[in-house]
Amino acid sequence: MSNELNDVFRLTARFDPANSASEVENIYYYKLTDAVDLTDGVIVAECADIIDSLMSNVAAYFATDYNAVSCYVVNCTKRERLGTGVPDFVGLDNSTQELPAQCAVEILQPIKALGRTARKYLGPPTELCQDQSTISGAALAAFQAFADEMDDVQVGASGNNYTPGIARFAAGGILSSFDPFIAAVGRAVNIMRTQRRRTPGFGLS
């Protein structure tokens, strides 16, 4: 089946930190709310661009050997794989060390329904972003810029519009609902968090 207006996409973004025993993964959901070009390749490329744009806000707080690996895109509405893009993101900090694999900056994105908040854990960043586990000043402003952009509608080079939010699934992995984020309410938490996957040899999830 072809992609259509109002389809919901899952973006699985993977990153390779300096610690070779770890892998970082974050998942995002976007709804196609204005459609110009519905081809798989265009949507996959634009999804990779979204990851690059988000991460560019915080590049100064990731090591130069922290880089994006892939952006795997699935059409959740149609339950079809679209393909894998490769974001260009590479960290810019070559002066301080990367923090341990479980260390992360937490981003909170609520939706209108009470009790539902999306969380993203960005890490491991470098020592530059914190002082005794407190994130402040320019670093907090950078991660807040990430939060601000994360709830924005993203416009691809084709003119496609992608609205961010939270997807819910029924039994069998069937998409049951999509709730968009509330604009301008996302925030970066100013205390370092920890997040660890239970799979041995892997870090953030």
N, C-alpha and C. Protein backbone atom coordinates (compact mmCIF):
# COMPACT_ATOMS: atom_id res chain seq x y z
N MET A 1 0.84 -1.20 0.00
CA MET A 1 0.00 0.00 0.00
C MET A 1 0.87 1.24 0.00
N SER A 2 0.36 2.30 -0.60
CA SER A 2 1.11 3.54 -0.64
C SER A 2 0.84 4.39 0.59
N ASN A 3 1.74 5.30 0.87
CA ASN A 3 1.57 6.23 1.98
C ASN A 3 0.44 7.20 1.67
N GLU A 4 -0.26 7.65 2.73
CA GLU A 4 -1.39 8.56 2.55
C GLU A 4 -1.37 9.65 3.60
N LEU A 5 -2.12 10.71 3.35
CA LEU A 5 -2.29 11.77 4.33
C LEU A 5 -2.82 11.18 5.63
N ASN A 6 -2.28 11.66 6.75
CA ASN A 6 -2.65 11.24 8.11
C ASN A 6 -2.07 9.89 8.53
N ASP A 7 -1.21 9.30 7.71
CA ASP A 7 -0.48 8.12 8.17
C ASP A 7 0.48 8.52 9.29
N VAL A 8 0.72 7.58 10.20
CA VAL A 8 1.63 7.80 11.32
C VAL A 8 2.90 6.99 11.11
N PHE A 9 4.05 7.65 11.29
CA PHE A 9 5.35 7.01 11.07
C PHE A 9 6.11 6.88 12.38
N ARG A 10 6.78 5.76 12.53
CA ARG A 10 7.70 5.57 13.65
C ARG A 10 9.13 5.73 13.16
N LEU A 11 9.88 6.62 13.81
CA LEU A 11 11.28 6.85 13.48
C LEU A 11 12.13 6.27 14.60
N THR A 12 12.95 5.29 14.29
CA THR A 12 13.86 4.71 15.27
C THR A 12 15.26 5.23 14.95
N ALA A 13 15.72 6.15 15.78
CA ALA A 13 17.02 6.78 15.54
C ALA A 13 18.08 6.10 16.40
N ARG A 14 19.16 5.67 15.75
CA ARG A 14 20.24 5.00 16.47
C ARG A 14 21.53 5.81 16.37
N PHE A 15 22.27 5.78 17.49
CA PHE A 15 23.52 6.53 17.58
C PHE A 15 24.61 5.65 18.16
N ASP A 16 25.84 5.95 17.77
CA ASP A 16 27.00 5.22 18.24
C ASP A 16 27.83 6.16 19.11
N PRO A 17 27.81 5.98 20.44
CA PRO A 17 28.61 6.84 21.31
C PRO A 17 30.07 6.41 21.33
N ALA A 18 30.88 7.14 22.10
CA ALA A 18 32.31 6.82 22.17
C ALA A 18 32.53 5.43 22.79
N ASN A 19 31.67 5.07 23.75
CA ASN A 19 31.77 3.76 24.40
C ASN A 19 31.29 2.69 23.41
N SER A 20 32.21 1.89 22.91
CA SER A 20 31.88 0.94 21.85
C SER A 20 30.97 -0.19 22.32
N ALA A 21 30.82 -0.36 23.64
CA ALA A 21 29.95 -1.41 24.17
C ALA A 21 28.50 -0.97 24.24
N SER A 22 28.23 0.26 23.89
CA SER A 22 26.89 0.81 24.03
C SER A 22 26.30 1.22 22.68
N GLU A 23 24.98 1.26 22.63
CA GLU A 23 24.26 1.79 21.47
C GLU A 23 23.09 2.60 22.00
N VAL A 24 22.84 3.73 21.39
CA VAL A 24 21.77 4.62 21.82
C VAL A 24 20.62 4.54 20.82
N GLU A 25 19.40 4.47 21.34
CA GLU A 25 18.23 4.41 20.46
C GLU A 25 17.11 5.27 21.03
N ASN A 26 16.50 6.08 20.19
CA ASN A 26 15.31 6.85 20.57
C ASN A 26 14.25 6.69 19.50
N ILE A 27 13.00 6.62 19.92
CA ILE A 27 11.89 6.44 18.99
C ILE A 27 10.98 7.67 19.01
N TYR A 28 10.61 8.11 17.82
CA TYR A 28 9.74 9.27 17.65
C TYR A 28 8.56 8.87 16.76
N TYR A 29 7.42 9.52 16.98
CA TYR A 29 6.24 9.29 16.14
C TYR A 29 5.82 10.61 15.50
N TYR A 30 5.53 10.55 14.21
CA TYR A 30 5.08 11.72 13.46
C TYR A 30 3.89 11.34 12.58
N LYS A 31 2.93 12.25 12.51
CA LYS A 31 1.76 12.06 11.65
C LYS A 31 1.89 12.96 10.43
N LEU A 32 1.64 12.41 9.25
CA LEU A 32 1.74 13.18 8.01
C LEU A 32 0.48 14.03 7.87
N THR A 33 0.59 15.31 8.20
CA THR A 33 -0.58 16.19 8.25
C THR A 33 -0.72 17.10 7.04
N ASP A 34 0.26 17.09 6.17
CA ASP A 34 0.16 17.77 4.87
C ASP A 34 1.07 17.00 3.93
N ALA A 35 0.52 16.51 2.85
CA ALA A 35 1.26 15.60 1.97
C ALA A 35 1.48 16.21 0.60
N VAL A 36 2.73 16.21 0.16
CA VAL A 36 3.11 16.68 -1.18
C VAL A 36 3.73 15.55 -1.99
N ASP A 37 4.69 14.85 -1.37
CA ASP A 37 5.37 13.73 -2.02
C ASP A 37 5.28 12.51 -1.10
N LEU A 38 4.58 11.48 -1.55
CA LEU A 38 4.29 10.32 -0.70
C LEU A 38 5.20 9.13 -0.96
N THR A 39 6.24 9.31 -1.76
CA THR A 39 7.14 8.19 -2.05
C THR A 39 7.97 7.82 -0.81
N ASP A 40 8.23 6.52 -0.68
CA ASP A 40 8.95 6.02 0.49
C ASP A 40 10.31 6.72 0.67
N GLY A 41 11.06 6.83 -0.41
CA GLY A 41 12.40 7.39 -0.32
C GLY A 41 12.41 8.81 0.18
N VAL A 42 11.46 9.61 -0.28
CA VAL A 42 11.38 11.01 0.16
C VAL A 42 11.05 11.08 1.65
N ILE A 43 10.09 10.28 2.10
CA ILE A 43 9.70 10.30 3.51
C ILE A 43 10.83 9.82 4.40
N VAL A 44 11.53 8.78 4.00
CA VAL A 44 12.66 8.27 4.78
C VAL A 44 13.75 9.35 4.89
N ALA A 45 14.08 10.00 3.78
CA ALA A 45 15.11 11.04 3.79
C ALA A 45 14.69 12.21 4.67
N GLU A 46 13.42 12.59 4.62
CA GLU A 46 12.95 13.72 5.43
C GLU A 46 12.91 13.35 6.92
N CYS A 47 12.64 12.10 7.23
CA CYS A 47 12.68 11.66 8.62
C CYS A 47 14.11 11.71 9.17
N ALA A 48 15.08 11.31 8.36
CA ALA A 48 16.49 11.42 8.77
C ALA A 48 16.86 12.89 8.99
N ASP A 49 16.34 13.77 8.14
CA ASP A 49 16.59 15.20 8.30
C ASP A 49 16.01 15.74 9.60
N ILE A 50 14.85 15.20 10.01
CA ILE A 50 14.24 15.62 11.27
C ILE A 50 15.17 15.29 12.44
N ILE A 51 15.74 14.10 12.43
CA ILE A 51 16.67 13.71 13.50
C ILE A 51 17.88 14.64 13.51
N ASP A 52 18.43 14.92 12.34
CA ASP A 52 19.57 15.84 12.26
C ASP A 52 19.22 17.21 12.82
N SER A 53 18.05 17.71 12.46
CA SER A 53 17.64 19.04 12.90
C SER A 53 17.47 19.09 14.42
N LEU A 54 16.84 18.08 14.99
CA LEU A 54 16.68 18.04 16.45
C LEU A 54 18.02 17.99 17.14
N MET A 55 18.89 17.09 16.72
CA MET A 55 20.17 16.90 17.40
C MET A 55 21.14 18.05 17.19
N SER A 56 20.95 18.83 16.13
CA SER A 56 21.84 19.97 15.90
C SER A 56 21.76 20.98 17.05
N ASN A 57 20.65 21.01 17.77
CA ASN A 57 20.50 21.93 18.90
C ASN A 57 21.48 21.61 20.03
N VAL A 58 21.88 20.35 20.15
CA VAL A 58 22.68 19.92 21.30
C VAL A 58 24.03 19.33 20.89
N ALA A 59 24.43 19.55 19.64
CA ALA A 59 25.67 18.95 19.13
C ALA A 59 26.89 19.34 19.95
N ALA A 60 26.89 20.54 20.52
CA ALA A 60 28.05 21.02 21.28
C ALA A 60 28.29 20.21 22.55
N TYR A 61 27.32 19.39 22.96
CA TYR A 61 27.42 18.65 24.21
C TYR A 61 27.54 17.14 24.00
N PHE A 62 27.93 16.77 22.78
CA PHE A 62 28.22 15.38 22.47
C PHE A 62 29.61 15.28 21.86
N ALA A 63 30.29 14.18 22.15
CA ALA A 63 31.67 14.01 21.71
C ALA A 63 31.76 13.89 20.19
N THR A 64 32.93 14.21 19.67
CA THR A 64 33.14 14.15 18.22
C THR A 64 33.10 12.72 17.69
N ASP A 65 33.21 11.72 18.57
CA ASP A 65 33.07 10.34 18.11
C ASP A 65 31.71 9.76 18.49
N TYR A 66 30.75 10.65 18.74
CA TYR A 66 29.34 10.27 18.94
C TYR A 66 28.62 10.63 17.65
N ASN A 67 28.09 9.65 16.96
CA ASN A 67 27.51 9.93 15.64
C ASN A 67 26.22 9.14 15.40
N ALA A 68 25.39 9.66 14.52
CA ALA A 68 24.18 8.96 14.11
C ALA A 68 24.55 7.76 13.25
N VAL A 69 23.81 6.67 13.43
CA VAL A 69 24.02 5.45 12.65
C VAL A 69 22.92 5.25 11.62
N SER A 70 21.66 5.42 12.06
CA SER A 70 20.55 5.15 11.15
C SER A 70 19.26 5.76 11.67
N CYS A 71 18.30 5.86 10.77
CA CYS A 71 16.93 6.27 11.11
C CYS A 71 16.00 5.33 10.36
N TYR A 72 15.47 4.37 11.08
CA TYR A 72 14.62 3.33 10.49
C TYR A 72 13.17 3.79 10.56
N VAL A 73 12.48 3.81 9.43
CA VAL A 73 11.15 4.38 9.35
C VAL A 73 10.11 3.31 9.01
N VAL A 74 9.03 3.30 9.79
CA VAL A 74 7.92 2.37 9.59
C VAL A 74 6.63 3.16 9.49
N ASN A 75 5.78 2.80 8.54
CA ASN A 75 4.43 3.37 8.47
C ASN A 75 3.56 2.54 9.42
N CYS A 76 3.24 3.11 10.59
CA CYS A 76 2.47 2.37 11.60
C CYS A 76 1.03 2.18 11.17
N THR A 77 0.49 3.11 10.41
CA THR A 77 -0.89 3.00 9.95
C THR A 77 -1.05 1.81 9.00
N LYS A 78 -0.11 1.68 8.08
CA LYS A 78 -0.17 0.60 7.09
C LYS A 78 0.57 -0.66 7.55
N ARG A 79 1.35 -0.53 8.62
CA ARG A 79 2.18 -1.62 9.13
C ARG A 79 3.15 -2.09 8.06
N GLU A 80 3.87 -1.12 7.50
CA GLU A 80 4.84 -1.41 6.43
C GLU A 80 6.17 -0.71 6.73
N ARG A 81 7.25 -1.38 6.36
CA ARG A 81 8.58 -0.79 6.47
C ARG A 81 8.81 0.14 5.28
N LEU A 82 9.28 1.34 5.56
CA LEU A 82 9.57 2.27 4.48
C LEU A 82 11.05 2.22 4.08
N GLY A 83 11.93 2.03 5.06
CA GLY A 83 13.35 1.98 4.76
C GLY A 83 14.18 2.63 5.85
N THR A 84 15.46 2.72 5.60
CA THR A 84 16.41 3.25 6.58
C THR A 84 17.20 4.41 5.98
N GLY A 85 17.15 5.55 6.66
CA GLY A 85 17.94 6.70 6.28
C GLY A 85 19.16 6.82 7.17
N VAL A 86 20.11 7.64 6.78
CA VAL A 86 21.32 7.83 7.57
C VAL A 86 21.48 9.32 7.89
N PRO A 87 21.12 9.73 9.11
CA PRO A 87 21.34 11.13 9.50
C PRO A 87 22.83 11.47 9.48
N ASP A 88 23.13 12.74 9.33
CA ASP A 88 24.52 13.20 9.25
C ASP A 88 25.10 13.59 10.60
N PHE A 89 24.32 13.50 11.67
CA PHE A 89 24.74 14.07 12.96
C PHE A 89 26.04 13.49 13.49
N VAL A 90 26.92 14.42 13.93
CA VAL A 90 28.15 14.08 14.64
C VAL A 90 28.32 15.12 15.73
N GLY A 91 28.68 14.69 16.94
CA GLY A 91 28.91 15.62 18.04
C GLY A 91 30.08 16.56 17.77
N LEU A 92 30.12 17.66 18.52
CA LEU A 92 31.13 18.69 18.27
C LEU A 92 32.15 18.88 19.39
N ASP A 93 31.92 18.26 20.55
CA ASP A 93 32.80 18.49 21.70
C ASP A 93 34.02 17.59 21.64
N ASN A 94 35.17 18.19 21.44
CA ASN A 94 36.43 17.43 21.42
C ASN A 94 37.33 17.80 22.59
N SER A 95 36.76 18.46 23.61
CA SER A 95 37.59 18.95 24.71
C SER A 95 37.29 18.29 26.05
N THR A 96 36.11 17.66 26.20
CA THR A 96 35.79 16.99 27.47
C THR A 96 35.35 15.56 27.20
N GLN A 97 35.37 14.75 28.25
CA GLN A 97 35.08 13.33 28.11
C GLN A 97 33.58 13.05 28.10
N GLU A 98 33.23 11.97 27.42
CA GLU A 98 31.84 11.51 27.43
C GLU A 98 31.52 10.93 28.81
N LEU A 99 30.32 11.22 29.31
CA LEU A 99 29.87 10.68 30.58
C LEU A 99 29.58 9.18 30.45
N PRO A 100 29.44 8.46 31.56
CA PRO A 100 29.13 7.03 31.48
C PRO A 100 27.85 6.78 30.68
N ALA A 101 27.75 5.58 30.10
CA ALA A 101 26.71 5.27 29.13
C ALA A 101 25.29 5.51 29.63
N GLN A 102 25.04 5.32 30.94
CA GLN A 102 23.68 5.46 31.43
C GLN A 102 23.25 6.91 31.66
N CYS A 103 24.19 7.85 31.60
CA CYS A 103 23.87 9.26 31.88
C CYS A 103 23.14 9.89 30.69
N ALA A 104 22.10 10.65 30.99
CA ALA A 104 21.30 11.25 29.92
C ALA A 104 20.60 12.51 30.40
N VAL A 105 20.28 13.36 29.44
CA VAL A 105 19.43 14.52 29.69
C VAL A 105 18.01 14.13 29.34
N GLU A 106 17.07 14.39 30.23
CA GLU A 106 15.68 14.00 30.02
C GLU A 106 14.88 15.15 29.41
N ILE A 107 14.12 14.84 28.37
CA ILE A 107 13.23 15.79 27.72
C ILE A 107 11.79 15.32 27.96
N LEU A 108 10.92 16.20 28.44
CA LEU A 108 9.53 15.86 28.72
C LEU A 108 8.61 16.57 27.75
N GLN A 109 7.67 15.82 27.17
CA GLN A 109 6.70 16.38 26.22
C GLN A 109 5.30 15.88 26.58
N PRO A 110 4.49 16.70 27.26
CA PRO A 110 3.13 16.26 27.61
C PRO A 110 2.16 16.40 26.43
N ILE A 111 1.07 15.67 26.52
CA ILE A 111 -0.03 15.85 25.58
C ILE A 111 -1.23 16.35 26.38
N LYS A 112 -2.35 16.59 25.69
CA LYS A 112 -3.51 17.19 26.35
C LYS A 112 -4.10 16.27 27.42
N ALA A 113 -4.15 14.97 27.16
CA ALA A 113 -4.70 14.02 28.13
C ALA A 113 -3.83 13.97 29.38
N LEU A 114 -4.45 14.08 30.55
CA LEU A 114 -3.70 14.05 31.80
C LEU A 114 -2.99 12.72 31.98
N GLY A 115 -1.80 12.78 32.55
CA GLY A 115 -1.08 11.57 32.87
C GLY A 115 -0.30 10.95 31.74
N ARG A 116 -0.24 11.62 30.60
CA ARG A 116 0.51 11.06 29.46
C ARG A 116 1.59 12.05 29.03
N THR A 117 2.81 11.63 29.15
CA THR A 117 3.96 12.46 28.82
C THR A 117 5.00 11.63 28.10
N ALA A 118 5.46 12.13 26.97
CA ALA A 118 6.56 11.46 26.26
C ALA A 118 7.88 11.86 26.90
N ARG A 119 8.80 10.91 26.94
CA ARG A 119 10.12 11.18 27.50
C ARG A 119 11.18 10.75 26.49
N LYS A 120 12.19 11.59 26.35
CA LYS A 120 13.35 11.25 25.55
C LYS A 120 14.58 11.40 26.43
N TYR A 121 15.48 10.44 26.32
CA TYR A 121 16.73 10.49 27.07
C TYR A 121 17.87 10.66 26.08
N LEU A 122 18.51 11.80 26.14
CA LEU A 122 19.59 12.13 25.20
C LEU A 122 20.93 11.93 25.89
N GLY A 123 21.70 11.00 25.38
CA GLY A 123 22.96 10.77 26.03
C GLY A 123 23.71 9.59 25.42
N PRO A 124 24.87 9.31 25.96
CA PRO A 124 25.51 10.09 27.02
C PRO A 124 26.16 11.36 26.47
N PRO A 125 25.89 12.50 27.06
CA PRO A 125 26.56 13.73 26.64
C PRO A 125 27.96 13.79 27.26
N THR A 126 28.65 14.87 27.05
CA THR A 126 29.98 15.04 27.63
C THR A 126 29.90 15.80 28.96
N GLU A 127 31.02 15.81 29.67
CA GLU A 127 31.10 16.49 30.96
C GLU A 127 30.77 17.98 30.85
N LEU A 128 30.93 18.52 29.66
CA LEU A 128 30.71 19.95 29.45
C LEU A 128 29.29 20.39 29.80
N CYS A 129 28.33 19.48 29.74
CA CYS A 129 26.92 19.88 29.88
C CYS A 129 26.45 19.96 31.32
N GLN A 130 27.29 19.51 32.29
CA GLN A 130 26.79 19.46 33.67
C GLN A 130 27.89 19.78 34.67
N ASP A 131 27.45 20.18 35.85
CA ASP A 131 28.35 20.43 36.98
C ASP A 131 27.71 19.75 38.19
N GLN A 132 28.33 18.66 38.66
CA GLN A 132 27.79 17.88 39.76
C GLN A 132 26.33 17.49 39.51
N SER A 133 26.09 17.03 38.30
CA SER A 133 24.79 16.50 37.85
C SER A 133 23.73 17.56 37.59
N THR A 134 24.09 18.82 37.69
CA THR A 134 23.15 19.90 37.39
C THR A 134 23.46 20.48 36.01
N ILE A 135 22.43 20.59 35.19
CA ILE A 135 22.56 21.16 33.85
C ILE A 135 22.08 22.60 33.92
N SER A 136 22.90 23.53 33.49
CA SER A 136 22.51 24.93 33.61
C SER A 136 23.12 25.76 32.49
N GLY A 137 22.77 27.03 32.47
CA GLY A 137 23.37 27.96 31.53
C GLY A 137 23.15 27.58 30.09
N ALA A 138 24.22 27.65 29.30
CA ALA A 138 24.13 27.42 27.87
C ALA A 138 23.69 25.99 27.56
N ALA A 139 24.13 25.03 28.38
CA ALA A 139 23.76 23.63 28.13
C ALA A 139 22.26 23.43 28.29
N LEU A 140 21.69 23.96 29.36
CA LEU A 140 20.25 23.81 29.58
C LEU A 140 19.48 24.51 28.47
N ALA A 141 19.96 25.66 28.03
CA ALA A 141 19.30 26.38 26.93
C ALA A 141 19.33 25.56 25.65
N ALA A 142 20.43 24.86 25.40
CA ALA A 142 20.54 24.03 24.19
C ALA A 142 19.56 22.87 24.24
N PHE A 143 19.48 22.19 25.38
CA PHE A 143 18.55 21.06 25.48
C PHE A 143 17.10 21.53 25.50
N GLN A 144 16.87 22.74 26.01
CA GLN A 144 15.52 23.31 25.93
C GLN A 144 15.16 23.62 24.48
N ALA A 145 16.14 24.05 23.68
CA ALA A 145 15.89 24.28 22.26
C ALA A 145 15.50 22.97 21.57
N PHE A 146 16.13 21.88 21.98
CA PHE A 146 15.72 20.56 21.47
C PHE A 146 14.26 20.30 21.81
N ALA A 147 13.89 20.53 23.07
CA ALA A 147 12.51 20.30 23.51
C ALA A 147 11.53 21.18 22.74
N ASP A 148 11.92 22.43 22.52
CA ASP A 148 11.06 23.36 21.79
C ASP A 148 10.82 22.89 20.36
N GLU A 149 11.87 22.39 19.73
CA GLU A 149 11.71 21.92 18.35
C GLU A 149 11.00 20.58 18.28
N MET A 150 11.15 19.77 19.33
CA MET A 150 10.55 18.44 19.31
C MET A 150 9.03 18.49 19.22
N ASP A 151 8.40 19.56 19.73
CA ASP A 151 6.94 19.64 19.64
C ASP A 151 6.48 20.48 18.45
N ASP A 152 7.40 20.88 17.60
CA ASP A 152 7.04 21.65 16.39
C ASP A 152 6.67 20.72 15.24
N VAL A 153 5.77 21.20 14.38
CA VAL A 153 5.52 20.52 13.10
C VAL A 153 6.77 20.68 12.25
N GLN A 154 7.25 19.56 11.70
CA GLN A 154 8.44 19.58 10.85
C GLN A 154 8.01 19.61 9.38
N VAL A 155 8.65 20.48 8.61
CA VAL A 155 8.33 20.61 7.19
C VAL A 155 9.51 20.07 6.38
N GLY A 156 9.25 19.02 5.61
CA GLY A 156 10.30 18.43 4.79
C GLY A 156 10.61 19.26 3.57
N ALA A 157 11.71 18.93 2.90
CA ALA A 157 12.11 19.66 1.69
C ALA A 157 11.04 19.57 0.60
N SER A 158 10.25 18.50 0.61
CA SER A 158 9.20 18.33 -0.39
C SER A 158 7.98 19.18 -0.11
N GLY A 159 7.87 19.65 1.13
CA GLY A 159 6.66 20.34 1.57
C GLY A 159 5.77 19.49 2.45
N ASN A 160 6.13 18.22 2.63
CA ASN A 160 5.39 17.36 3.56
C ASN A 160 5.46 17.94 4.97
N ASN A 161 4.36 17.87 5.71
CA ASN A 161 4.33 18.30 7.11
C ASN A 161 4.21 17.08 8.02
N TYR A 162 5.07 17.05 9.07
CA TYR A 162 5.09 15.95 10.01
C TYR A 162 4.79 16.49 11.41
N THR A 163 3.67 16.06 12.00
CA THR A 163 3.26 16.53 13.31
C THR A 163 3.67 15.51 14.37
N PRO A 164 4.44 15.93 15.40
CA PRO A 164 4.94 14.99 16.40
C PRO A 164 3.89 14.68 17.47
N GLY A 165 4.03 13.51 18.09
CA GLY A 165 3.10 13.15 19.15
C GLY A 165 3.37 11.76 19.69
N ILE A 166 2.36 11.21 20.38
CA ILE A 166 2.44 9.88 20.98
C ILE A 166 1.46 8.95 20.27
N ALA A 167 1.94 7.79 19.88
CA ALA A 167 1.08 6.79 19.26
C ALA A 167 0.75 5.70 20.28
N ARG A 168 -0.48 5.18 20.18
CA ARG A 168 -0.88 4.05 21.01
C ARG A 168 -1.30 2.89 20.11
N PHE A 169 -1.07 1.68 20.62
CA PHE A 169 -1.30 0.49 19.79
C PHE A 169 -2.19 -0.50 20.53
N ALA A 170 -3.08 -1.14 19.78
CA ALA A 170 -3.94 -2.19 20.32
C ALA A 170 -3.25 -3.54 20.15
N ALA A 171 -3.96 -4.59 20.53
CA ALA A 171 -3.41 -5.94 20.39
C ALA A 171 -3.00 -6.21 18.95
N GLY A 172 -1.88 -6.89 18.80
CA GLY A 172 -1.39 -7.20 17.46
C GLY A 172 -0.62 -6.07 16.81
N GLY A 173 -0.34 -5.01 17.57
CA GLY A 173 0.44 -3.89 17.03
C GLY A 173 -0.34 -2.97 16.11
N ILE A 174 -1.68 -3.01 16.22
CA ILE A 174 -2.52 -2.14 15.38
C ILE A 174 -2.57 -0.74 15.98
N LEU A 175 -2.28 0.26 15.18
CA LEU A 175 -2.34 1.64 15.64
C LEU A 175 -3.76 1.98 16.07
N SER A 176 -3.91 2.46 17.31
CA SER A 176 -5.25 2.77 17.81
C SER A 176 -5.49 4.26 17.96
N SER A 177 -4.43 5.05 18.21
CA SER A 177 -4.63 6.50 18.36
C SER A 177 -3.30 7.22 18.21
N PHE A 178 -3.41 8.51 17.92
CA PHE A 178 -2.24 9.38 17.86
C PHE A 178 -2.62 10.71 18.50
N ASP A 179 -1.85 11.12 19.50
CA ASP A 179 -2.10 12.38 20.20
C ASP A 179 -0.93 13.32 19.98
N PRO A 180 -1.16 14.47 19.36
CA PRO A 180 -0.06 15.41 19.11
C PRO A 180 0.42 16.07 20.40
N PHE A 181 1.68 16.48 20.38
CA PHE A 181 2.22 17.24 21.50
C PHE A 181 1.56 18.62 21.57
N ILE A 182 1.56 19.20 22.76
CA ILE A 182 1.10 20.57 22.93
C ILE A 182 2.26 21.49 22.61
N ALA A 183 2.04 22.45 21.76
CA ALA A 183 3.12 23.35 21.35
C ALA A 183 3.65 24.17 22.52
N ALA A 184 4.96 24.29 22.58
CA ALA A 184 5.65 25.21 23.50
C ALA A 184 5.52 24.85 24.97
N VAL A 185 5.32 23.58 25.30
CA VAL A 185 5.27 23.19 26.71
C VAL A 185 6.33 22.14 27.06
N GLY A 186 7.04 21.62 26.08
CA GLY A 186 8.10 20.65 26.36
C GLY A 186 9.21 21.31 27.16
N ARG A 187 9.91 20.50 27.95
CA ARG A 187 11.00 21.07 28.75
C ARG A 187 12.13 20.08 28.94
N ALA A 188 13.32 20.63 29.10
CA ALA A 188 14.50 19.86 29.44
C ALA A 188 14.66 19.87 30.96
N VAL A 189 14.83 18.71 31.56
CA VAL A 189 15.00 18.61 33.01
C VAL A 189 16.43 19.01 33.36
N ASN A 190 16.58 19.80 34.42
CA ASN A 190 17.91 20.37 34.72
C ASN A 190 18.78 19.51 35.62
N ILE A 191 18.34 18.29 35.91
CA ILE A 191 19.15 17.34 36.68
C ILE A 191 19.42 16.13 35.79
N MET A 192 20.66 15.69 35.74
CA MET A 192 21.01 14.52 34.93
C MET A 192 20.20 13.31 35.35
N ARG A 193 19.79 12.53 34.38
CA ARG A 193 19.04 11.30 34.62
C ARG A 193 19.88 10.10 34.20
N THR A 194 19.39 8.90 34.53
CA THR A 194 20.01 7.68 34.03
C THR A 194 18.95 6.87 33.31
N GLN A 195 19.37 6.19 32.25
CA GLN A 195 18.47 5.35 31.48
C GLN A 195 19.28 4.22 30.90
N ARG A 196 18.86 2.99 31.17
CA ARG A 196 19.64 1.85 30.71
C ARG A 196 18.72 0.74 30.22
N ARG A 197 19.01 0.22 29.07
CA ARG A 197 18.30 -0.94 28.53
C ARG A 197 18.75 -2.18 29.29
N ARG A 198 17.91 -3.20 29.36
CA ARG A 198 18.26 -4.40 30.11
C ARG A 198 19.09 -5.40 29.32
N THR A 199 19.29 -5.12 28.05
CA THR A 199 20.10 -6.03 27.24
C THR A 199 21.58 -5.82 27.56
N PRO A 200 22.31 -6.83 28.00
CA PRO A 200 23.73 -6.65 28.30
C PRO A 200 24.49 -6.13 27.08
N GLY A 201 25.40 -5.19 27.34
CA GLY A 201 26.23 -4.66 26.27
C GLY A 201 25.62 -3.47 25.55
N PHE A 202 24.41 -3.05 25.96
CA PHE A 202 23.77 -1.90 25.34
C PHE A 202 23.48 -0.85 26.41
N GLY A 203 23.45 0.40 26.00
CA GLY A 203 23.26 1.49 26.93
C GLY A 203 21.88 2.10 26.87
N LEU A 204 21.83 3.34 26.40
CA LEU A 204 20.58 4.09 26.45
C LEU A 204 19.53 3.53 25.52
N SER A 205 18.28 3.74 25.87
CA SER A 205 17.17 3.28 25.05
C SER A 205 16.16 4.40 24.90
